[in-house]
Amino acid sequence: MNGASREALAAARERLDALTDNTSVDAAKLAEELAAVTALLQREVSLRRVLTDPSQAGEAKAELAGRLLRGQVGGETVDLISGMVRSRWSQSRDLVDSVEELANTADLTAAQRSGDLDDVEDELFRFGRIVASDKELRAALTNRSASVAAKSELLRSLLGGKARPTTERVVVRLVTQPRGRSLEAGLESLSKLAAERRDRMVAVVTSAVPLSDQQKQRLGAALAKIYGRPMHLNLDVDPTVLGGISVRVGDEVINGTIAERLDEATRRMAG
């Protein structure tokens, strides 16, 4: 992708991460809806051209996307797509590629939440090796005259009950909607996304007042040193903590707030 599209995709990734870091959001459902939008944009060439037309105002394009999608997909998906079409894209195809990437990332996020991401990454690698060593299987999966239903059934016979649901979903989408890519290139792209997701850790930081840039950098560096991985900070301000910060990484909570210390002192006096 060229500069404008790269910047637009980077912004979309950040919005998706912020959304899926909220565990109340159903990442698998979000993936399904984004995949449906990908198929729509791939099919409707004139629509994607309108939505990426640099001569049109971003807000007008967002309103059009909202009218088309509202009621068909959830509000989170509408907001994501609306944000994407407000951005500038170098080519209309870049928008479709990016929505597809977000769909796969959301599915991999669902696998990460359920503790299956390492298995998904391994299954994608092993499936790629199987396809590479079996010419007949590869021919069947890439046969342009074969129906979507036939390919889906073949994949379900190979993966159903033997691979994680996420693996099955992303591979079925890749095979049935190749969008001009080779099977090998698609599997490599999925494996790369899985690896990136596995290496990403998120810390939810709650503080009484907003942290300065210097404080955020120090905290991020300290957490990266503790956990041995780059750390993405999701920042929340809550005046009720009274001071200090509370940090949650996965199920682990590092609580250093004044409110927590007051509660602890109260519990000790009561005891």
C-alpha atoms as a PDB file:
ATOM      1  CA  MET A   1       0.000   0.000   0.000  1.00  0.00           C
ATOM      2  CA  ASN A   2       1.086   3.577  -0.666  1.00  0.00           C
ATOM      3  CA  GLY A   3       1.331   6.290   1.979  1.00  0.00           C
ATOM      4  CA  ALA A   4      -2.305   7.358   2.259  1.00  0.00           C
ATOM      5  CA  SER A   5      -3.582   3.796   2.468  1.00  0.00           C
ATOM      6  CA  ARG A   6      -0.900   2.785   4.957  1.00  0.00           C
ATOM      7  CA  GLU A   7      -1.898   5.648   7.243  1.00  0.00           C
ATOM      8  CA  ALA A   8      -5.599   4.815   6.889  1.00  0.00           C
ATOM      9  CA  LEU A   9      -4.973   1.149   7.716  1.00  0.00           C
ATOM     10  CA  ALA A  10      -2.824   2.051  10.727  1.00  0.00           C
ATOM     11  CA  ALA A  11      -5.646   4.231  12.079  1.00  0.00           C
ATOM     12  CA  ALA A  12      -8.194   1.459  11.461  1.00  0.00           C
ATOM     13  CA  ARG A  13      -6.008  -1.061  13.303  1.00  0.00           C
ATOM     14  CA  GLU A  14      -5.825   1.252  16.307  1.00  0.00           C
ATOM     15  CA  ARG A  15      -9.613   1.663  16.331  1.00  0.00           C
ATOM     16  CA  LEU A  16     -10.102  -2.092  16.102  1.00  0.00           C
ATOM     17  CA  ASP A  17      -7.637  -2.717  18.930  1.00  0.00           C
ATOM     18  CA  ALA A  18      -9.352  -0.148  21.127  1.00  0.00           C
ATOM     19  CA  LEU A  19     -12.702  -1.765  20.402  1.00  0.00           C
ATOM     20  CA  THR A  20     -11.680  -5.396  20.895  1.00  0.00           C
ATOM     21  CA  ASP A  21      -9.671  -4.624  24.027  1.00  0.00           C
ATOM     22  CA  ASN A  22     -13.118  -4.215  25.573  1.00  0.00           C
ATOM     23  CA  THR A  23     -14.005  -7.794  26.484  1.00  0.00           C
ATOM     24  CA  SER A  24     -17.727  -7.030  26.259  1.00  0.00           C
ATOM     25  CA  VAL A  25     -17.343  -6.799  22.463  1.00  0.00           C
ATOM     26  CA  ASP A  26     -17.962 -10.117  20.670  1.00  0.00           C
ATOM     27  CA  ALA A  27     -14.816 -10.308  18.529  1.00  0.00           C
ATOM     28  CA  ALA A  28     -15.981 -13.383  16.582  1.00  0.00           C
ATOM     29  CA  LYS A  29     -19.253 -11.683  15.632  1.00  0.00           C
ATOM     30  CA  LEU A  30     -17.355  -8.548  14.666  1.00  0.00           C
ATOM     31  CA  ALA A  31     -15.114 -10.676  12.430  1.00  0.00           C
ATOM     32  CA  GLU A  32     -18.127 -12.243  10.734  1.00  0.00           C
ATOM     33  CA  GLU A  33     -19.678  -8.841  10.031  1.00  0.00           C
ATOM     34  CA  LEU A  34     -16.434  -7.358   8.727  1.00  0.00           C
ATOM     35  CA  ALA A  35     -16.045 -10.372   6.450  1.00  0.00           C
ATOM     36  CA  ALA A  36     -19.544  -9.728   5.087  1.00  0.00           C
ATOM     37  CA  VAL A  37     -18.603  -6.092   4.397  1.00  0.00           C
ATOM     38  CA  THR A  38     -15.446  -7.311   2.630  1.00  0.00           C
ATOM     39  CA  ALA A  39     -17.562  -9.497   0.347  1.00  0.00           C
ATOM     40  CA  LEU A  40     -19.941  -6.604  -0.340  1.00  0.00           C
ATOM     41  CA  LEU A  41     -17.120  -4.219  -1.273  1.00  0.00           C
ATOM     42  CA  GLN A  42     -15.424  -6.860  -3.412  1.00  0.00           C
ATOM     43  CA  ARG A  43     -18.668  -7.505  -5.272  1.00  0.00           C
ATOM     44  CA  GLU A  44     -19.837  -3.885  -5.655  1.00  0.00           C
ATOM     45  CA  VAL A  45     -17.004  -2.166  -7.489  1.00  0.00           C
ATOM     46  CA  SER A  46     -18.910   1.096  -7.985  1.00  0.00           C
ATOM     47  CA  LEU A  47     -19.687   1.302  -4.268  1.00  0.00           C
ATOM     48  CA  ARG A  48     -16.092   0.939  -3.153  1.00  0.00           C
ATOM     49  CA  ARG A  49     -15.044   3.547  -5.698  1.00  0.00           C
ATOM     50  CA  VAL A  50     -17.560   5.998  -4.292  1.00  0.00           C
ATOM     51  CA  LEU A  51     -16.436   5.244  -0.722  1.00  0.00           C
ATOM     52  CA  THR A  52     -12.786   5.904  -1.621  1.00  0.00           C
ATOM     53  CA  ASP A  53     -13.353   8.868  -3.964  1.00  0.00           C
ATOM     54  CA  PRO A  54     -10.975  11.614  -2.735  1.00  0.00           C
ATOM     55  CA  SER A  55     -13.186  14.303  -4.258  1.00  0.00           C
ATOM     56  CA  GLN A  56     -16.031  13.409  -1.890  1.00  0.00           C
ATOM     57  CA  ALA A  57     -16.195  14.691   1.692  1.00  0.00           C
ATOM     58  CA  GLY A  58     -15.284  12.106   4.290  1.00  0.00           C
ATOM     59  CA  GLU A  59     -18.409  12.742   6.334  1.00  0.00           C
ATOM     60  CA  ALA A  60     -20.632  12.256   3.277  1.00  0.00           C
ATOM     61  CA  LYS A  61     -18.968   8.895   2.595  1.00  0.00           C
ATOM     62  CA  ALA A  62     -19.365   7.874   6.230  1.00  0.00           C
ATOM     63  CA  GLU A  63     -23.077   8.751   6.106  1.00  0.00           C
ATOM     64  CA  LEU A  64     -23.495   6.656   2.955  1.00  0.00           C
ATOM     65  CA  ALA A  65     -21.753   3.681   4.572  1.00  0.00           C
ATOM     66  CA  GLY A  66     -23.924   4.081   7.653  1.00  0.00           C
ATOM     67  CA  ARG A  67     -27.151   4.104   5.626  1.00  0.00           C
ATOM     68  CA  LEU A  68     -26.129   0.973   3.736  1.00  0.00           C
ATOM     69  CA  LEU A  69     -24.903  -1.022   6.727  1.00  0.00           C
ATOM     70  CA  ARG A  70     -27.080   0.083   9.619  1.00  0.00           C
ATOM     71  CA  GLY A  71     -29.529  -2.670  10.463  1.00  0.00           C
ATOM     72  CA  GLN A  72     -27.440  -5.212   8.567  1.00  0.00           C
ATOM     73  CA  VAL A  73     -24.484  -5.291  10.956  1.00  0.00           C
ATOM     74  CA  GLY A  74     -23.845  -4.149  14.509  1.00  0.00           C
ATOM     75  CA  GLY A  75     -23.015  -0.630  15.607  1.00  0.00           C
ATOM     76  CA  GLU A  76     -19.326  -1.444  16.213  1.00  0.00           C
ATOM     77  CA  THR A  77     -18.931  -2.594  12.606  1.00  0.00           C
ATOM     78  CA  VAL A  78     -20.755   0.472  11.272  1.00  0.00           C
ATOM     79  CA  ASP A  79     -18.489   2.746  13.319  1.00  0.00           C
ATOM     80  CA  LEU A  80     -15.338   0.985  12.115  1.00  0.00           C
ATOM     81  CA  ILE A  81     -16.314   1.156   8.444  1.00  0.00           C
ATOM     82  CA  SER A  82     -17.493   4.754   8.763  1.00  0.00           C
ATOM     83  CA  GLY A  83     -14.135   5.692  10.249  1.00  0.00           C
ATOM     84  CA  MET A  84     -12.307   3.912   7.439  1.00  0.00           C
ATOM     85  CA  VAL A  85     -14.171   5.636   4.611  1.00  0.00           C
ATOM     86  CA  ARG A  86     -13.501   9.033   6.190  1.00  0.00           C
ATOM     87  CA  SER A  87      -9.812   8.354   5.562  1.00  0.00           C
ATOM     88  CA  ARG A  88      -8.008   8.783   2.254  1.00  0.00           C
ATOM     89  CA  TRP A  89      -7.120   5.673   0.268  1.00  0.00           C
ATOM     90  CA  SER A  90      -4.594   5.426  -2.559  1.00  0.00           C
ATOM     91  CA  GLN A  91      -6.675   2.782  -4.335  1.00  0.00           C
ATOM     92  CA  SER A  92     -10.204   1.502  -3.813  1.00  0.00           C
ATOM     93  CA  ARG A  93      -8.877  -2.061  -3.521  1.00  0.00           C
ATOM     94  CA  ASP A  94      -6.815  -1.036  -0.495  1.00  0.00           C
ATOM     95  CA  LEU A  95     -10.034  -0.406   1.430  1.00  0.00           C
ATOM     96  CA  VAL A  96     -11.257  -3.946   0.714  1.00  0.00           C
ATOM     97  CA  ASP A  97      -7.902  -5.468   1.661  1.00  0.00           C
ATOM     98  CA  SER A  98      -7.922  -3.524   4.914  1.00  0.00           C
ATOM     99  CA  VAL A  99     -11.468  -4.477   5.921  1.00  0.00           C
ATOM    100  CA  GLU A 100     -10.546  -8.104   5.261  1.00  0.00           C
ATOM    101  CA  GLU A 101      -7.457  -7.753   7.453  1.00  0.00           C
ATOM    102  CA  LEU A 102      -9.579  -6.330  10.265  1.00  0.00           C
ATOM    103  CA  ALA A 103     -11.976  -9.283   9.953  1.00  0.00           C
ATOM    104  CA  ASN A 104      -9.121 -11.762  10.305  1.00  0.00           C
ATOM    105  CA  THR A 105      -7.581  -9.782  13.170  1.00  0.00           C
ATOM    106  CA  ALA A 106     -10.905  -9.759  15.027  1.00  0.00           C
ATOM    107  CA  ASP A 107     -11.167 -13.537  14.610  1.00  0.00           C
ATOM    108  CA  LEU A 108      -7.615 -13.989  15.906  1.00  0.00           C
ATOM    109  CA  THR A 109      -8.463 -11.722  18.840  1.00  0.00           C
ATOM    110  CA  ALA A 110     -11.361 -14.059  19.679  1.00  0.00           C
ATOM    111  CA  ALA A 111      -8.888 -16.967  19.631  1.00  0.00           C
ATOM    112  CA  GLN A 112      -6.523 -15.023  21.876  1.00  0.00           C
ATOM    113  CA  ARG A 113      -9.282 -14.419  24.411  1.00  0.00           C
ATOM    114  CA  SER A 114     -10.138 -18.116  24.533  1.00  0.00           C
ATOM    115  CA  GLY A 115      -6.484 -19.134  24.880  1.00  0.00           C
ATOM    116  CA  ASP A 116      -6.420 -20.784  21.451  1.00  0.00           C
ATOM    117  CA  LEU A 117      -4.176 -18.380  19.535  1.00  0.00           C
ATOM    118  CA  ASP A 118      -0.991 -20.471  19.766  1.00  0.00           C
ATOM    119  CA  ASP A 119      -2.919 -23.498  18.497  1.00  0.00           C
ATOM    120  CA  VAL A 120      -4.434 -21.466  15.647  1.00  0.00           C
ATOM    121  CA  GLU A 121      -0.999 -20.262  14.573  1.00  0.00           C
ATOM    122  CA  ASP A 122       0.306 -23.831  14.617  1.00  0.00           C
ATOM    123  CA  GLU A 123      -2.723 -25.162  12.711  1.00  0.00           C
ATOM    124  CA  LEU A 124      -2.346 -22.534   9.997  1.00  0.00           C
ATOM    125  CA  PHE A 125       1.295 -23.531   9.552  1.00  0.00           C
ATOM    126  CA  ARG A 126       0.510 -27.246   9.432  1.00  0.00           C
ATOM    127  CA  PHE A 127      -2.372 -26.727   7.007  1.00  0.00           C
ATOM    128  CA  GLY A 128      -0.041 -24.802   4.720  1.00  0.00           C
ATOM    129  CA  ARG A 129       2.451 -27.672   4.794  1.00  0.00           C
ATOM    130  CA  ILE A 130      -0.285 -30.193   3.995  1.00  0.00           C
ATOM    131  CA  VAL A 131      -1.487 -28.155   1.018  1.00  0.00           C
ATOM    132  CA  ALA A 132       2.072 -27.709  -0.252  1.00  0.00           C
ATOM    133  CA  SER A 133       2.676 -31.465  -0.177  1.00  0.00           C
ATOM    134  CA  ASP A 134      -0.650 -32.536  -1.714  1.00  0.00           C
ATOM    135  CA  LYS A 135      -1.062 -31.316  -5.293  1.00  0.00           C
ATOM    136  CA  GLU A 136      -4.533 -32.819  -5.679  1.00  0.00           C
ATOM    137  CA  LEU A 137      -5.789 -31.097  -2.551  1.00  0.00           C
ATOM    138  CA  ARG A 138      -4.335 -27.770  -3.634  1.00  0.00           C
ATOM    139  CA  ALA A 139      -5.929 -28.150  -7.069  1.00  0.00           C
ATOM    140  CA  ALA A 140      -9.320 -28.861  -5.505  1.00  0.00           C
ATOM    141  CA  LEU A 141      -9.098 -25.857  -3.184  1.00  0.00           C
ATOM    142  CA  THR A 142      -8.008 -23.463  -5.924  1.00  0.00           C
ATOM    143  CA  ASN A 143     -10.274 -24.772  -8.704  1.00  0.00           C
ATOM    144  CA  ARG A 144     -12.133 -21.709  -9.993  1.00  0.00           C
ATOM    145  CA  SER A 145     -14.946 -23.811 -11.421  1.00  0.00           C
ATOM    146  CA  ALA A 146     -15.686 -25.472  -8.063  1.00  0.00           C
ATOM    147  CA  SER A 147     -18.543 -23.985  -6.073  1.00  0.00           C
ATOM    148  CA  VAL A 148     -18.143 -22.218  -2.749  1.00  0.00           C
ATOM    149  CA  ALA A 149     -20.295 -24.910  -1.142  1.00  0.00           C
ATOM    150  CA  ALA A 150     -18.067 -27.695  -2.480  1.00  0.00           C
ATOM    151  CA  LYS A 151     -14.892 -26.042  -1.232  1.00  0.00           C
ATOM    152  CA  SER A 152     -16.453 -25.293   2.145  1.00  0.00           C
ATOM    153  CA  GLU A 153     -17.563 -28.889   2.526  1.00  0.00           C
ATOM    154  CA  LEU A 154     -14.098 -30.161   1.617  1.00  0.00           C
ATOM    155  CA  LEU A 155     -12.477 -27.897   4.183  1.00  0.00           C
ATOM    156  CA  ARG A 156     -14.947 -28.875   6.879  1.00  0.00           C
ATOM    157  CA  SER A 157     -14.184 -32.527   6.223  1.00  0.00           C
ATOM    158  CA  LEU A 158     -10.485 -31.731   6.670  1.00  0.00           C
ATOM    159  CA  LEU A 159     -10.693 -29.304   9.596  1.00  0.00           C
ATOM    160  CA  GLY A 160     -14.042 -29.856  11.295  1.00  0.00           C
ATOM    161  CA  GLY A 161     -13.481 -31.161  14.827  1.00  0.00           C
ATOM    162  CA  LYS A 162      -9.720 -31.326  14.218  1.00  0.00           C
ATOM    163  CA  ALA A 163      -8.860 -27.630  14.244  1.00  0.00           C
ATOM    164  CA  ARG A 164      -9.922 -24.666  16.333  1.00  0.00           C
ATOM    165  CA  PRO A 165     -13.077 -22.860  15.131  1.00  0.00           C
ATOM    166  CA  THR A 166     -11.047 -19.743  14.341  1.00  0.00           C
ATOM    167  CA  THR A 167      -8.695 -21.723  12.114  1.00  0.00           C
ATOM    168  CA  GLU A 168     -11.622 -23.207  10.232  1.00  0.00           C
ATOM    169  CA  ARG A 169     -13.331 -19.817   9.774  1.00  0.00           C
ATOM    170  CA  VAL A 170     -10.305 -17.932   8.441  1.00  0.00           C
ATOM    171  CA  VAL A 171      -9.232 -20.778   6.136  1.00  0.00           C
ATOM    172  CA  VAL A 172     -12.753 -21.192   4.710  1.00  0.00           C
ATOM    173  CA  ARG A 173     -12.886 -17.443   4.007  1.00  0.00           C
ATOM    174  CA  LEU A 174      -9.480 -17.515   2.359  1.00  0.00           C
ATOM    175  CA  VAL A 175     -10.301 -20.451   0.089  1.00  0.00           C
ATOM    176  CA  THR A 176     -13.816 -19.394  -0.869  1.00  0.00           C
ATOM    177  CA  GLN A 177     -12.937 -15.686  -1.284  1.00  0.00           C
ATOM    178  CA  PRO A 178      -9.337 -15.682  -2.570  1.00  0.00           C
ATOM    179  CA  ARG A 179      -9.668 -12.252  -4.188  1.00  0.00           C
ATOM    180  CA  GLY A 180      -6.891 -12.930  -6.675  1.00  0.00           C
ATOM    181  CA  ARG A 181      -4.307 -14.176  -4.181  1.00  0.00           C
ATOM    182  CA  SER A 182      -2.576 -17.515  -4.194  1.00  0.00           C
ATOM    183  CA  LEU A 183      -3.501 -19.905  -1.410  1.00  0.00           C
ATOM    184  CA  GLU A 184       0.084 -19.846  -0.160  1.00  0.00           C
ATOM    185  CA  ALA A 185       0.189 -16.038   0.015  1.00  0.00           C
ATOM    186  CA  GLY A 186      -3.110 -15.960   1.896  1.00  0.00           C
ATOM    187  CA  LEU A 187      -1.947 -18.526   4.455  1.00  0.00           C
ATOM    188  CA  GLU A 188       1.314 -16.651   4.935  1.00  0.00           C
ATOM    189  CA  SER A 189      -0.602 -13.438   5.572  1.00  0.00           C
ATOM    190  CA  LEU A 190      -2.826 -15.160   8.138  1.00  0.00           C
ATOM    191  CA  SER A 191       0.184 -16.662   9.907  1.00  0.00           C
ATOM    192  CA  LYS A 192       1.820 -13.240  10.089  1.00  0.00           C
ATOM    193  CA  LEU A 193      -1.313 -11.700  11.611  1.00  0.00           C
ATOM    194  CA  ALA A 194      -1.490 -14.503  14.175  1.00  0.00           C
ATOM    195  CA  ALA A 195       2.157 -13.982  15.140  1.00  0.00           C
ATOM    196  CA  GLU A 196       1.646 -10.231  15.524  1.00  0.00           C
ATOM    197  CA  ARG A 197      -1.428 -10.790  17.675  1.00  0.00           C
ATOM    198  CA  ARG A 198       0.372 -13.345  19.854  1.00  0.00           C
ATOM    199  CA  ASP A 199       3.215 -10.925  20.552  1.00  0.00           C
ATOM    200  CA  ARG A 200       0.884  -8.096  21.520  1.00  0.00           C
ATOM    201  CA  MET A 201       0.028  -7.547  25.172  1.00  0.00           C
ATOM    202  CA  VAL A 202      -2.453  -5.006  26.483  1.00  0.00           C
ATOM    203  CA  ALA A 203      -2.362  -3.199  29.810  1.00  0.00           C
ATOM    204  CA  VAL A 204      -5.513  -1.436  30.988  1.00  0.00           C
ATOM    205  CA  VAL A 205      -4.311   1.540  33.044  1.00  0.00           C
ATOM    206  CA  THR A 206      -6.679   3.483  35.295  1.00  0.00           C
ATOM    207  CA  SER A 207      -5.482   6.720  36.893  1.00  0.00           C
ATOM    208  CA  ALA A 208      -7.041   9.611  38.754  1.00  0.00           C
ATOM    209  CA  VAL A 209      -5.734  12.139  36.214  1.00  0.00           C
ATOM    210  CA  PRO A 210      -4.442  11.736  32.645  1.00  0.00           C
ATOM    211  CA  LEU A 211      -0.865  10.515  32.419  1.00  0.00           C
ATOM    212  CA  SER A 212       1.732  12.663  30.699  1.00  0.00           C
ATOM    213  CA  ASP A 213       3.540  11.373  27.621  1.00  0.00           C
ATOM    214  CA  GLN A 214       6.662  10.854  29.728  1.00  0.00           C
ATOM    215  CA  GLN A 215       4.706   8.881  32.336  1.00  0.00           C
ATOM    216  CA  LYS A 216       3.144   6.711  29.623  1.00  0.00           C
ATOM    217  CA  GLN A 217       6.548   5.995  28.100  1.00  0.00           C
ATOM    218  CA  ARG A 218       8.060   5.069  31.467  1.00  0.00           C
ATOM    219  CA  LEU A 219       5.123   2.870  32.389  1.00  0.00           C
ATOM    220  CA  GLY A 220       5.129   1.130  28.991  1.00  0.00           C
ATOM    221  CA  ALA A 221       8.860   0.472  29.225  1.00  0.00           C
ATOM    222  CA  ALA A 222       8.558  -0.867  32.777  1.00  0.00           C
ATOM    223  CA  LEU A 223       5.709  -3.224  31.880  1.00  0.00           C
ATOM    224  CA  ALA A 224       7.523  -4.415  28.742  1.00  0.00           C
ATOM    225  CA  LYS A 225      10.522  -5.265  30.916  1.00  0.00           C
ATOM    226  CA  ILE A 226       8.357  -7.162  33.404  1.00  0.00           C
ATOM    227  CA  TYR A 227       6.430  -9.181  30.822  1.00  0.00           C
ATOM    228  CA  GLY A 228       9.137  -9.477  28.180  1.00  0.00           C
ATOM    229  CA  ARG A 229       6.900  -8.199  25.365  1.00  0.00           C
ATOM    230  CA  PRO A 230       5.921  -4.845  23.858  1.00  0.00           C
ATOM    231  CA  MET A 231       2.983  -3.438  25.781  1.00  0.00           C
ATOM    232  CA  HIS A 232       0.008  -1.495  24.421  1.00  0.00           C
ATOM    233  CA  LEU A 233      -1.536   0.843  27.013  1.00  0.00           C
ATOM    234  CA  ASN A 234      -5.276   1.420  27.165  1.00  0.00           C
ATOM    235  CA  LEU A 235      -5.715   4.481  29.353  1.00  0.00           C
ATOM    236  CA  ASP A 236      -8.748   5.306  31.462  1.00  0.00           C
ATOM    237  CA  VAL A 237      -9.270   8.207  33.862  1.00  0.00           C
ATOM    238  CA  ASP A 238     -11.332   7.601  37.002  1.00  0.00           C
ATOM    239  CA  PRO A 239     -11.232  10.317  39.699  1.00  0.00           C
ATOM    240  CA  THR A 240     -12.546   7.853  42.298  1.00  0.00           C
ATOM    241  CA  VAL A 241      -9.172   6.111  42.488  1.00  0.00           C
ATOM    242  CA  LEU A 242      -7.937   9.270  44.319  1.00  0.00           C
ATOM    243  CA  GLY A 243      -4.338   8.877  43.187  1.00  0.00           C
ATOM    244  CA  GLY A 244      -1.791   6.435  41.886  1.00  0.00           C
ATOM    245  CA  ILE A 245      -2.626   3.991  39.132  1.00  0.00           C
ATOM    246  CA  SER A 246      -4.210   0.588  38.670  1.00  0.00           C
ATOM    247  CA  VAL A 247      -2.809  -1.660  35.928  1.00  0.00           C
ATOM    248  CA  ARG A 248      -4.505  -4.801  34.612  1.00  0.00           C
ATOM    249  CA  VAL A 249      -2.693  -7.166  32.254  1.00  0.00           C
ATOM    250  CA  GLY A 250      -4.936 -10.091  31.400  1.00  0.00           C
ATOM    251  CA  ASP A 251      -6.207 -11.440  34.722  1.00  0.00           C
ATOM    252  CA  GLU A 252      -3.364  -9.900  36.734  1.00  0.00           C
ATOM    253  CA  VAL A 253      -3.986  -6.614  38.542  1.00  0.00           C
ATOM    254  CA  ILE A 254      -1.240  -4.345  39.836  1.00  0.00           C
ATOM    255  CA  ASN A 255      -3.057  -1.927  42.132  1.00  0.00           C
ATOM    256  CA  GLY A 256      -1.247   1.088  43.541  1.00  0.00           C
ATOM    257  CA  THR A 257      -4.121   3.527  44.079  1.00  0.00           C
ATOM    258  CA  ILE A 258      -4.759   5.539  47.219  1.00  0.00           C
ATOM    259  CA  ALA A 259      -8.335   4.249  47.295  1.00  0.00           C
ATOM    260  CA  GLU A 260      -7.059   0.675  47.363  1.00  0.00           C
ATOM    261  CA  ARG A 261      -4.686   1.457  50.235  1.00  0.00           C
ATOM    262  CA  LEU A 262      -7.502   3.178  52.172  1.00  0.00           C
ATOM    263  CA  ASP A 263      -9.731   0.157  51.647  1.00  0.00           C
ATOM    264  CA  GLU A 264      -6.964  -2.108  52.868  1.00  0.00           C
ATOM    265  CA  ALA A 265      -6.415   0.031  55.972  1.00  0.00           C
ATOM    266  CA  THR A 266     -10.156  -0.016  56.677  1.00  0.00           C
ATOM    267  CA  ARG A 267     -10.241  -3.800  56.375  1.00  0.00           C
ATOM    268  CA  ARG A 268      -7.339  -4.128  58.806  1.00  0.00           C
ATOM    269  CA  MET A 269      -8.948  -1.838  61.387  1.00  0.00           C
ATOM    270  CA  ALA A 270     -12.217  -3.722  61.099  1.00  0.00           C
ATOM    271  CA  GLY A 271     -10.370  -6.995  61.593  1.00  0.00           C
END
